[in-house]
Amino acid sequence: MGGIAPTYSVGWKKNSSMGIFLAGCDYNCHKCHNAEIKEFKEEFLMNILDVKREITSNINDIDSIFFTGAEPCLQRQALLSIARHAKTAGLKIGLKTNGAKPETIKSMLIHDLLDFVELNIYSDFNPGNFEKITRSQNFFNPTDAILKNIYESLTLIKKYNPKLEIAIKTVVKKGINDDNDILLSLASKIQDLDAVWVLEREKEIAEDGEEIEDLQMKEFLEEVKILAEDKFPYLNIEII
């Protein structure tokens, strides 16, 4: 367990959520924003009963649980157990995932344990582009297999759309995936979803802790938004 935030407003902003961070990730992205919980460590071990008690103790202040990480779908049994507890308590459930574990998403959907999913897709379905940003392939899990799993996750959530609230988030990183062709290719794959496509520029922080405003990247994302909306008029795009 990477941590619990009694109030969490990132991702599913219209809800009063408790954020549950599950440690461990199968990607190795550049400048991971939660690198401290990317690995499975003994210090992260936590009794699931304690997590459920934390949910119960905050039940009057929240209306939902938002699972995030690292990658929560790697801990399938823990995720399902906590989600069942939350659902029984009358809470809505949100999930942030890279989509590489469709069997976990399928289990949540089948058992009505998912109200919102934020699917993080960082490039199009070109293996070279995808590996460049995620650095996720290994001997046992080649890039083609990972992309096949993500496509399966997309197909799954389409079946439950529009009942299932969906966001597709793409973090755009300078020199890696800040490319019109890559982003428009991805847009073509998600255009038929009743979802919001969130384009998020990678944050750069100065030594004094202040965020550096990248006007060039901001202009680039605005250009991508205009091009994508022109080609795919039903695509709902948000820049953050």
C-alpha atoms as a PDB file:
ATOM      1  CA  MET A   1       0.000   0.000   0.000  1.00  0.00           C
ATOM      2  CA  GLY A   2       1.645   3.201  -1.185  1.00  0.00           C
ATOM      3  CA  GLY A   3      -0.585   5.403   0.957  1.00  0.00           C
ATOM      4  CA  ILE A   4      -4.101   6.630   1.715  1.00  0.00           C
ATOM      5  CA  ALA A   5      -5.320  10.188   1.168  1.00  0.00           C
ATOM      6  CA  PRO A   6      -8.559  10.834   3.130  1.00  0.00           C
ATOM      7  CA  THR A   7      -9.422  13.559   0.610  1.00  0.00           C
ATOM      8  CA  TYR A   8      -8.281  13.217  -2.995  1.00  0.00           C
ATOM      9  CA  SER A   9      -9.410  15.431  -5.858  1.00  0.00           C
ATOM     10  CA  VAL A  10      -7.001  14.519  -8.662  1.00  0.00           C
ATOM     11  CA  GLY A  11      -8.579  12.750 -11.628  1.00  0.00           C
ATOM     12  CA  TRP A  12     -12.205  12.424 -10.468  1.00  0.00           C
ATOM     13  CA  LYS A  13     -12.750  16.022  -9.463  1.00  0.00           C
ATOM     14  CA  LYS A  14     -16.524  16.148  -9.138  1.00  0.00           C
ATOM     15  CA  ASN A  15     -16.517  13.577  -6.337  1.00  0.00           C
ATOM     16  CA  SER A  16     -15.374  13.692  -2.717  1.00  0.00           C
ATOM     17  CA  SER A  17     -12.971  10.784  -2.908  1.00  0.00           C
ATOM     18  CA  MET A  18     -10.576   8.945  -0.676  1.00  0.00           C
ATOM     19  CA  GLY A  19      -7.415   8.146  -2.633  1.00  0.00           C
ATOM     20  CA  ILE A  20      -5.917   4.688  -2.200  1.00  0.00           C
ATOM     21  CA  PHE A  21      -2.414   4.292  -3.652  1.00  0.00           C
ATOM     22  CA  LEU A  22      -1.383   0.748  -4.505  1.00  0.00           C
ATOM     23  CA  ALA A  23       2.361   0.239  -4.940  1.00  0.00           C
ATOM     24  CA  GLY A  24       4.100  -1.438  -7.856  1.00  0.00           C
ATOM     25  CA  CYS A  25       4.137  -0.588 -11.565  1.00  0.00           C
ATOM     26  CA  ASP A  26       4.924  -2.463 -14.767  1.00  0.00           C
ATOM     27  CA  TYR A  27       6.064   0.692 -16.597  1.00  0.00           C
ATOM     28  CA  ASN A  28       9.333   2.583 -16.259  1.00  0.00           C
ATOM     29  CA  CYS A  29       8.287   5.999 -17.570  1.00  0.00           C
ATOM     30  CA  HIS A  30      10.576   9.017 -17.715  1.00  0.00           C
ATOM     31  CA  LYS A  31      10.168  11.276 -14.664  1.00  0.00           C
ATOM     32  CA  CYS A  32       7.496   9.138 -12.997  1.00  0.00           C
ATOM     33  CA  HIS A  33       5.478  11.409 -10.691  1.00  0.00           C
ATOM     34  CA  ASN A  34       5.044   8.615  -8.115  1.00  0.00           C
ATOM     35  CA  ALA A  35       8.448   6.941  -8.434  1.00  0.00           C
ATOM     36  CA  GLU A  36       8.668   6.415  -4.677  1.00  0.00           C
ATOM     37  CA  ILE A  37       5.934   3.757  -4.820  1.00  0.00           C
ATOM     38  CA  LYS A  38       6.870   2.214  -8.174  1.00  0.00           C
ATOM     39  CA  GLU A  39       8.526  -0.825  -6.579  1.00  0.00           C
ATOM     40  CA  PHE A  40       7.010  -3.427  -4.260  1.00  0.00           C
ATOM     41  CA  LYS A  41       8.690  -2.940  -0.865  1.00  0.00           C
ATOM     42  CA  GLU A  42       8.234  -4.532   2.524  1.00  0.00           C
ATOM     43  CA  GLU A  43       7.557  -1.122   4.044  1.00  0.00           C
ATOM     44  CA  PHE A  44       4.401  -0.886   1.913  1.00  0.00           C
ATOM     45  CA  LEU A  45       2.826  -4.022   3.390  1.00  0.00           C
ATOM     46  CA  MET A  46      -0.492  -3.215   5.064  1.00  0.00           C
ATOM     47  CA  ASN A  47      -3.357  -5.324   6.334  1.00  0.00           C
ATOM     48  CA  ILE A  48      -6.372  -4.956   4.044  1.00  0.00           C
ATOM     49  CA  LEU A  49      -8.600  -4.868   7.125  1.00  0.00           C
ATOM     50  CA  ASP A  50      -6.850  -1.661   8.186  1.00  0.00           C
ATOM     51  CA  VAL A  51      -7.612  -0.115   4.794  1.00  0.00           C
ATOM     52  CA  LYS A  52     -11.271  -1.082   5.131  1.00  0.00           C
ATOM     53  CA  ARG A  53     -11.397   0.397   8.642  1.00  0.00           C
ATOM     54  CA  GLU A  54      -9.943   3.646   7.261  1.00  0.00           C
ATOM     55  CA  ILE A  55     -12.725   3.750   4.662  1.00  0.00           C
ATOM     56  CA  THR A  56     -15.383   3.120   7.303  1.00  0.00           C
ATOM     57  CA  SER A  57     -13.999   5.805   9.617  1.00  0.00           C
ATOM     58  CA  ASN A  58     -14.227   8.399   6.814  1.00  0.00           C
ATOM     59  CA  ILE A  59     -17.554   7.260   5.390  1.00  0.00           C
ATOM     60  CA  ASN A  60     -19.401  10.468   6.328  1.00  0.00           C
ATOM     61  CA  ASP A  61     -16.894  12.687   4.517  1.00  0.00           C
ATOM     62  CA  ILE A  62     -16.589  10.885   1.183  1.00  0.00           C
ATOM     63  CA  ASP A  63     -18.841   9.587  -1.581  1.00  0.00           C
ATOM     64  CA  SER A  64     -16.247   7.580  -3.490  1.00  0.00           C
ATOM     65  CA  ILE A  65     -12.955   5.698  -3.499  1.00  0.00           C
ATOM     66  CA  PHE A  66     -10.317   6.412  -6.141  1.00  0.00           C
ATOM     67  CA  PHE A  67      -7.701   3.709  -6.704  1.00  0.00           C
ATOM     68  CA  THR A  68      -4.420   4.988  -8.094  1.00  0.00           C
ATOM     69  CA  GLY A  69      -0.735   4.244  -7.786  1.00  0.00           C
ATOM     70  CA  ALA A  70       1.813   3.335  -9.384  1.00  0.00           C
ATOM     71  CA  GLU A  71      -0.457   0.703 -11.051  1.00  0.00           C
ATOM     72  CA  PRO A  72      -3.340  -0.595  -8.874  1.00  0.00           C
ATOM     73  CA  CYS A  73      -4.362  -3.391 -11.261  1.00  0.00           C
ATOM     74  CA  LEU A  74      -1.173  -5.314 -10.463  1.00  0.00           C
ATOM     75  CA  GLN A  75      -2.678  -6.100  -7.033  1.00  0.00           C
ATOM     76  CA  ARG A  76      -5.870  -7.671  -8.330  1.00  0.00           C
ATOM     77  CA  GLN A  77      -7.074  -9.483  -5.198  1.00  0.00           C
ATOM     78  CA  ALA A  78      -6.419  -6.552  -2.866  1.00  0.00           C
ATOM     79  CA  LEU A  79      -8.073  -4.154  -5.311  1.00  0.00           C
ATOM     80  CA  LEU A  80     -11.207  -6.298  -5.649  1.00  0.00           C
ATOM     81  CA  SER A  81     -11.493  -6.904  -1.908  1.00  0.00           C
ATOM     82  CA  ILE A  82     -11.268  -3.217  -1.006  1.00  0.00           C
ATOM     83  CA  ALA A  83     -13.590  -2.270  -3.878  1.00  0.00           C
ATOM     84  CA  ARG A  84     -16.247  -4.744  -2.682  1.00  0.00           C
ATOM     85  CA  HIS A  85     -16.068  -3.261   0.806  1.00  0.00           C
ATOM     86  CA  ALA A  86     -16.436   0.264  -0.565  1.00  0.00           C
ATOM     87  CA  LYS A  87     -19.340  -0.694  -2.814  1.00  0.00           C
ATOM     88  CA  THR A  88     -21.144  -2.414   0.056  1.00  0.00           C
ATOM     89  CA  ALA A  89     -20.751   0.820   2.021  1.00  0.00           C
ATOM     90  CA  GLY A  90     -22.544   2.687  -0.778  1.00  0.00           C
ATOM     91  CA  LEU A  91     -19.496   4.404  -2.250  1.00  0.00           C
ATOM     92  CA  LYS A  92     -18.721   4.946  -5.917  1.00  0.00           C
ATOM     93  CA  ILE A  93     -15.448   3.582  -7.243  1.00  0.00           C
ATOM     94  CA  GLY A  94     -12.907   5.166  -9.560  1.00  0.00           C
ATOM     95  CA  LEU A  95      -9.758   3.612 -10.993  1.00  0.00           C
ATOM     96  CA  LYS A  96      -6.644   5.086 -12.572  1.00  0.00           C
ATOM     97  CA  THR A  97      -4.819   2.494 -14.677  1.00  0.00           C
ATOM     98  CA  ASN A  98      -2.515   2.047 -17.644  1.00  0.00           C
ATOM     99  CA  GLY A  99      -4.853  -0.627 -19.017  1.00  0.00           C
ATOM    100  CA  ALA A 100      -2.195  -3.330 -19.319  1.00  0.00           C
ATOM    101  CA  LYS A 101      -4.142  -5.712 -17.046  1.00  0.00           C
ATOM    102  CA  PRO A 102      -7.531  -6.125 -18.781  1.00  0.00           C
ATOM    103  CA  GLU A 103      -8.442  -9.179 -16.703  1.00  0.00           C
ATOM    104  CA  THR A 104      -8.504  -7.023 -13.562  1.00  0.00           C
ATOM    105  CA  ILE A 105     -10.634  -4.351 -15.229  1.00  0.00           C
ATOM    106  CA  LYS A 106     -12.965  -7.070 -16.512  1.00  0.00           C
ATOM    107  CA  SER A 107     -13.411  -8.474 -12.992  1.00  0.00           C
ATOM    108  CA  MET A 108     -14.319  -5.043 -11.642  1.00  0.00           C
ATOM    109  CA  LEU A 109     -16.801  -4.404 -14.447  1.00  0.00           C
ATOM    110  CA  ILE A 110     -18.468  -7.813 -14.217  1.00  0.00           C
ATOM    111  CA  HIS A 111     -19.004  -7.415 -10.470  1.00  0.00           C
ATOM    112  CA  ASP A 112     -20.241  -3.813 -10.812  1.00  0.00           C
ATOM    113  CA  LEU A 113     -17.242  -2.440  -8.926  1.00  0.00           C
ATOM    114  CA  LEU A 114     -16.388   0.430 -11.243  1.00  0.00           C
ATOM    115  CA  ASP A 115     -18.113   3.773 -11.853  1.00  0.00           C
ATOM    116  CA  PHE A 116     -15.231   5.754 -13.336  1.00  0.00           C
ATOM    117  CA  VAL A 117     -12.014   4.766 -15.081  1.00  0.00           C
ATOM    118  CA  GLU A 118      -9.097   6.984 -16.031  1.00  0.00           C
ATOM    119  CA  LEU A 119      -7.121   5.094 -18.650  1.00  0.00           C
ATOM    120  CA  ASN A 120      -3.610   6.473 -19.026  1.00  0.00           C
ATOM    121  CA  ILE A 121      -2.402   5.963 -22.609  1.00  0.00           C
ATOM    122  CA  TYR A 122       0.851   7.746 -23.364  1.00  0.00           C
ATOM    123  CA  SER A 123       1.245   7.174 -27.090  1.00  0.00           C
ATOM    124  CA  ASP A 124      -0.414   5.659 -30.120  1.00  0.00           C
ATOM    125  CA  PHE A 125      -0.359   1.905 -30.723  1.00  0.00           C
ATOM    126  CA  ASN A 126       2.962   1.979 -32.572  1.00  0.00           C
ATOM    127  CA  PRO A 127       5.320  -0.345 -30.617  1.00  0.00           C
ATOM    128  CA  GLY A 128       8.378   1.877 -31.073  1.00  0.00           C
ATOM    129  CA  ASN A 129       6.598   5.024 -29.894  1.00  0.00           C
ATOM    130  CA  PHE A 130       5.006   3.203 -26.968  1.00  0.00           C
ATOM    131  CA  GLU A 131       8.248   1.638 -25.729  1.00  0.00           C
ATOM    132  CA  LYS A 132      10.086   4.955 -26.021  1.00  0.00           C
ATOM    133  CA  ILE A 133       7.852   6.562 -23.408  1.00  0.00           C
ATOM    134  CA  THR A 134       6.896   3.628 -21.145  1.00  0.00           C
ATOM    135  CA  ARG A 135      10.087   1.523 -21.285  1.00  0.00           C
ATOM    136  CA  SER A 136       7.851  -1.345 -20.228  1.00  0.00           C
ATOM    137  CA  GLN A 137       8.844  -4.342 -22.319  1.00  0.00           C
ATOM    138  CA  ASN A 138      10.868  -7.278 -21.020  1.00  0.00           C
ATOM    139  CA  PHE A 139      11.638 -10.846 -22.095  1.00  0.00           C
ATOM    140  CA  PHE A 140       8.349 -12.175 -20.720  1.00  0.00           C
ATOM    141  CA  ASN A 141       6.175  -9.231 -21.745  1.00  0.00           C
ATOM    142  CA  PRO A 142       7.041  -7.741 -25.157  1.00  0.00           C
ATOM    143  CA  THR A 143       5.596  -4.434 -26.309  1.00  0.00           C
ATOM    144  CA  ASP A 144       3.194  -6.060 -28.779  1.00  0.00           C
ATOM    145  CA  ALA A 145       1.611  -8.083 -25.954  1.00  0.00           C
ATOM    146  CA  ILE A 146       1.265  -5.000 -23.731  1.00  0.00           C
ATOM    147  CA  LEU A 147      -0.415  -3.037 -26.527  1.00  0.00           C
ATOM    148  CA  LYS A 148      -2.760  -5.953 -27.192  1.00  0.00           C
ATOM    149  CA  ASN A 149      -3.790  -5.870 -23.521  1.00  0.00           C
ATOM    150  CA  ILE A 150      -4.416  -2.121 -23.604  1.00  0.00           C
ATOM    151  CA  TYR A 151      -6.536  -2.487 -26.721  1.00  0.00           C
ATOM    152  CA  GLU A 152      -8.499  -5.228 -24.932  1.00  0.00           C
ATOM    153  CA  SER A 153      -9.075  -2.848 -22.010  1.00  0.00           C
ATOM    154  CA  LEU A 154     -10.334  -0.194 -24.430  1.00  0.00           C
ATOM    155  CA  THR A 155     -12.719  -2.717 -25.970  1.00  0.00           C
ATOM    156  CA  LEU A 156     -13.967  -3.711 -22.510  1.00  0.00           C
ATOM    157  CA  ILE A 157     -14.742  -0.207 -21.319  1.00  0.00           C
ATOM    158  CA  LYS A 158     -16.491   0.591 -24.611  1.00  0.00           C
ATOM    159  CA  LYS A 159     -18.999  -2.173 -23.819  1.00  0.00           C
ATOM    160  CA  TYR A 160     -19.896  -0.472 -20.527  1.00  0.00           C
ATOM    161  CA  ASN A 161     -19.925   3.047 -21.972  1.00  0.00           C
ATOM    162  CA  PRO A 162     -21.843   5.364 -21.355  1.00  0.00           C
ATOM    163  CA  LYS A 163     -22.872   3.801 -18.012  1.00  0.00           C
ATOM    164  CA  LEU A 164     -19.191   3.819 -17.109  1.00  0.00           C
ATOM    165  CA  GLU A 165     -17.664   7.298 -16.871  1.00  0.00           C
ATOM    166  CA  ILE A 166     -14.400   7.353 -18.833  1.00  0.00           C
ATOM    167  CA  ALA A 167     -11.373   9.611 -19.148  1.00  0.00           C
ATOM    168  CA  ILE A 168      -8.393   8.887 -21.371  1.00  0.00           C
ATOM    169  CA  LYS A 169      -5.340  10.751 -20.097  1.00  0.00           C
ATOM    170  CA  THR A 170      -2.174  11.381 -22.091  1.00  0.00           C
ATOM    171  CA  VAL A 171       0.760  13.057 -20.372  1.00  0.00           C
ATOM    172  CA  VAL A 172       2.717  14.821 -23.109  1.00  0.00           C
ATOM    173  CA  LYS A 173       6.472  14.855 -22.526  1.00  0.00           C
ATOM    174  CA  LYS A 174       8.850  17.108 -24.401  1.00  0.00           C
ATOM    175  CA  GLY A 175      11.006  15.247 -26.909  1.00  0.00           C
ATOM    176  CA  ILE A 176       9.205  11.944 -26.328  1.00  0.00           C
ATOM    177  CA  ASN A 177       5.563  12.061 -27.396  1.00  0.00           C
ATOM    178  CA  ASP A 178       5.052  15.737 -28.310  1.00  0.00           C
ATOM    179  CA  ASP A 179       4.282  14.781 -31.886  1.00  0.00           C
ATOM    180  CA  ASN A 180       1.147  15.575 -33.891  1.00  0.00           C
ATOM    181  CA  ASP A 181       1.181  12.246 -35.717  1.00  0.00           C
ATOM    182  CA  ILE A 182       1.437  10.217 -32.504  1.00  0.00           C
ATOM    183  CA  LEU A 183      -1.340  12.096 -30.731  1.00  0.00           C
ATOM    184  CA  LEU A 184      -3.699  12.211 -33.714  1.00  0.00           C
ATOM    185  CA  SER A 185      -3.152   8.492 -34.268  1.00  0.00           C
ATOM    186  CA  LEU A 186      -4.178   7.886 -30.645  1.00  0.00           C
ATOM    187  CA  ALA A 187      -7.184  10.182 -31.108  1.00  0.00           C
ATOM    188  CA  SER A 188      -8.378   7.993 -33.980  1.00  0.00           C
ATOM    189  CA  LYS A 189      -8.443   4.967 -31.644  1.00  0.00           C
ATOM    190  CA  ILE A 190     -10.570   6.638 -28.955  1.00  0.00           C
ATOM    191  CA  GLN A 191     -12.835   8.866 -31.063  1.00  0.00           C
ATOM    192  CA  ASP A 192     -15.900   6.625 -30.674  1.00  0.00           C
ATOM    193  CA  LEU A 193     -15.782   6.618 -26.865  1.00  0.00           C
ATOM    194  CA  ASP A 194     -18.184   8.701 -24.807  1.00  0.00           C
ATOM    195  CA  ALA A 195     -15.235  10.025 -22.851  1.00  0.00           C
ATOM    196  CA  VAL A 196     -13.030  13.013 -22.214  1.00  0.00           C
ATOM    197  CA  TRP A 197      -9.498  12.943 -23.607  1.00  0.00           C
ATOM    198  CA  VAL A 198      -7.260  14.761 -21.152  1.00  0.00           C
ATOM    199  CA  LEU A 199      -4.018  16.156 -22.553  1.00  0.00           C
ATOM    200  CA  GLU A 200      -1.689  16.948 -19.680  1.00  0.00           C
ATOM    201  CA  ARG A 201       1.651  18.624 -20.194  1.00  0.00           C
ATOM    202  CA  GLU A 202       4.480  17.225 -18.138  1.00  0.00           C
ATOM    203  CA  LYS A 203       5.158  19.509 -15.197  1.00  0.00           C
ATOM    204  CA  GLU A 204       8.626  21.016 -14.839  1.00  0.00           C
ATOM    205  CA  ILE A 205       9.619  22.258 -11.397  1.00  0.00           C
ATOM    206  CA  ALA A 206      12.317  24.861 -10.744  1.00  0.00           C
ATOM    207  CA  GLU A 207      14.843  24.618  -7.897  1.00  0.00           C
ATOM    208  CA  ASP A 208      12.690  26.915  -5.774  1.00  0.00           C
ATOM    209  CA  GLY A 209       9.781  24.485  -6.085  1.00  0.00           C
ATOM    210  CA  GLU A 210       7.773  26.674  -8.451  1.00  0.00           C
ATOM    211  CA  GLU A 211       6.298  25.230 -11.623  1.00  0.00           C
ATOM    212  CA  ILE A 212       7.945  26.373 -14.862  1.00  0.00           C
ATOM    213  CA  GLU A 213       5.353  27.480 -17.397  1.00  0.00           C
ATOM    214  CA  ASP A 214       6.149  26.069 -20.830  1.00  0.00           C
ATOM    215  CA  LEU A 215       4.326  28.337 -23.274  1.00  0.00           C
ATOM    216  CA  GLN A 216       5.621  26.412 -26.283  1.00  0.00           C
ATOM    217  CA  MET A 217       4.122  23.158 -24.989  1.00  0.00           C
ATOM    218  CA  LYS A 218       0.890  24.949 -24.111  1.00  0.00           C
ATOM    219  CA  GLU A 219       0.616  26.252 -27.682  1.00  0.00           C
ATOM    220  CA  PHE A 220       1.425  22.797 -29.061  1.00  0.00           C
ATOM    221  CA  LEU A 221      -1.381  21.169 -27.070  1.00  0.00           C
ATOM    222  CA  GLU A 222      -3.831  23.834 -28.215  1.00  0.00           C
ATOM    223  CA  GLU A 223      -2.819  23.066 -31.803  1.00  0.00           C
ATOM    224  CA  VAL A 224      -3.333  19.324 -31.246  1.00  0.00           C
ATOM    225  CA  LYS A 225      -6.761  20.031 -29.745  1.00  0.00           C
ATOM    226  CA  ILE A 226      -7.817  22.069 -32.804  1.00  0.00           C
ATOM    227  CA  LEU A 227      -6.524  19.446 -35.256  1.00  0.00           C
ATOM    228  CA  ALA A 228      -8.121  16.549 -33.364  1.00  0.00           C
ATOM    229  CA  GLU A 229     -11.483  18.283 -33.005  1.00  0.00           C
ATOM    230  CA  ASP A 230     -11.445  19.051 -36.714  1.00  0.00           C
ATOM    231  CA  LYS A 231     -10.743  15.414 -37.672  1.00  0.00           C
ATOM    232  CA  PHE A 232     -12.807  13.822 -34.898  1.00  0.00           C
ATOM    233  CA  PRO A 233     -15.657  16.248 -34.066  1.00  0.00           C
ATOM    234  CA  TYR A 234     -17.225  13.990 -31.421  1.00  0.00           C
ATOM    235  CA  LEU A 235     -14.033  13.823 -29.367  1.00  0.00           C
ATOM    236  CA  ASN A 236     -14.240  15.756 -26.087  1.00  0.00           C
ATOM    237  CA  ILE A 237     -10.778  17.180 -25.309  1.00  0.00           C
ATOM    238  CA  GLU A 238      -9.512  18.903 -22.168  1.00  0.00           C
ATOM    239  CA  ILE A 239      -6.064  20.429 -21.650  1.00  0.00           C
ATOM    240  CA  ILE A 240      -4.621  20.646 -18.144  1.00  0.00           C
END
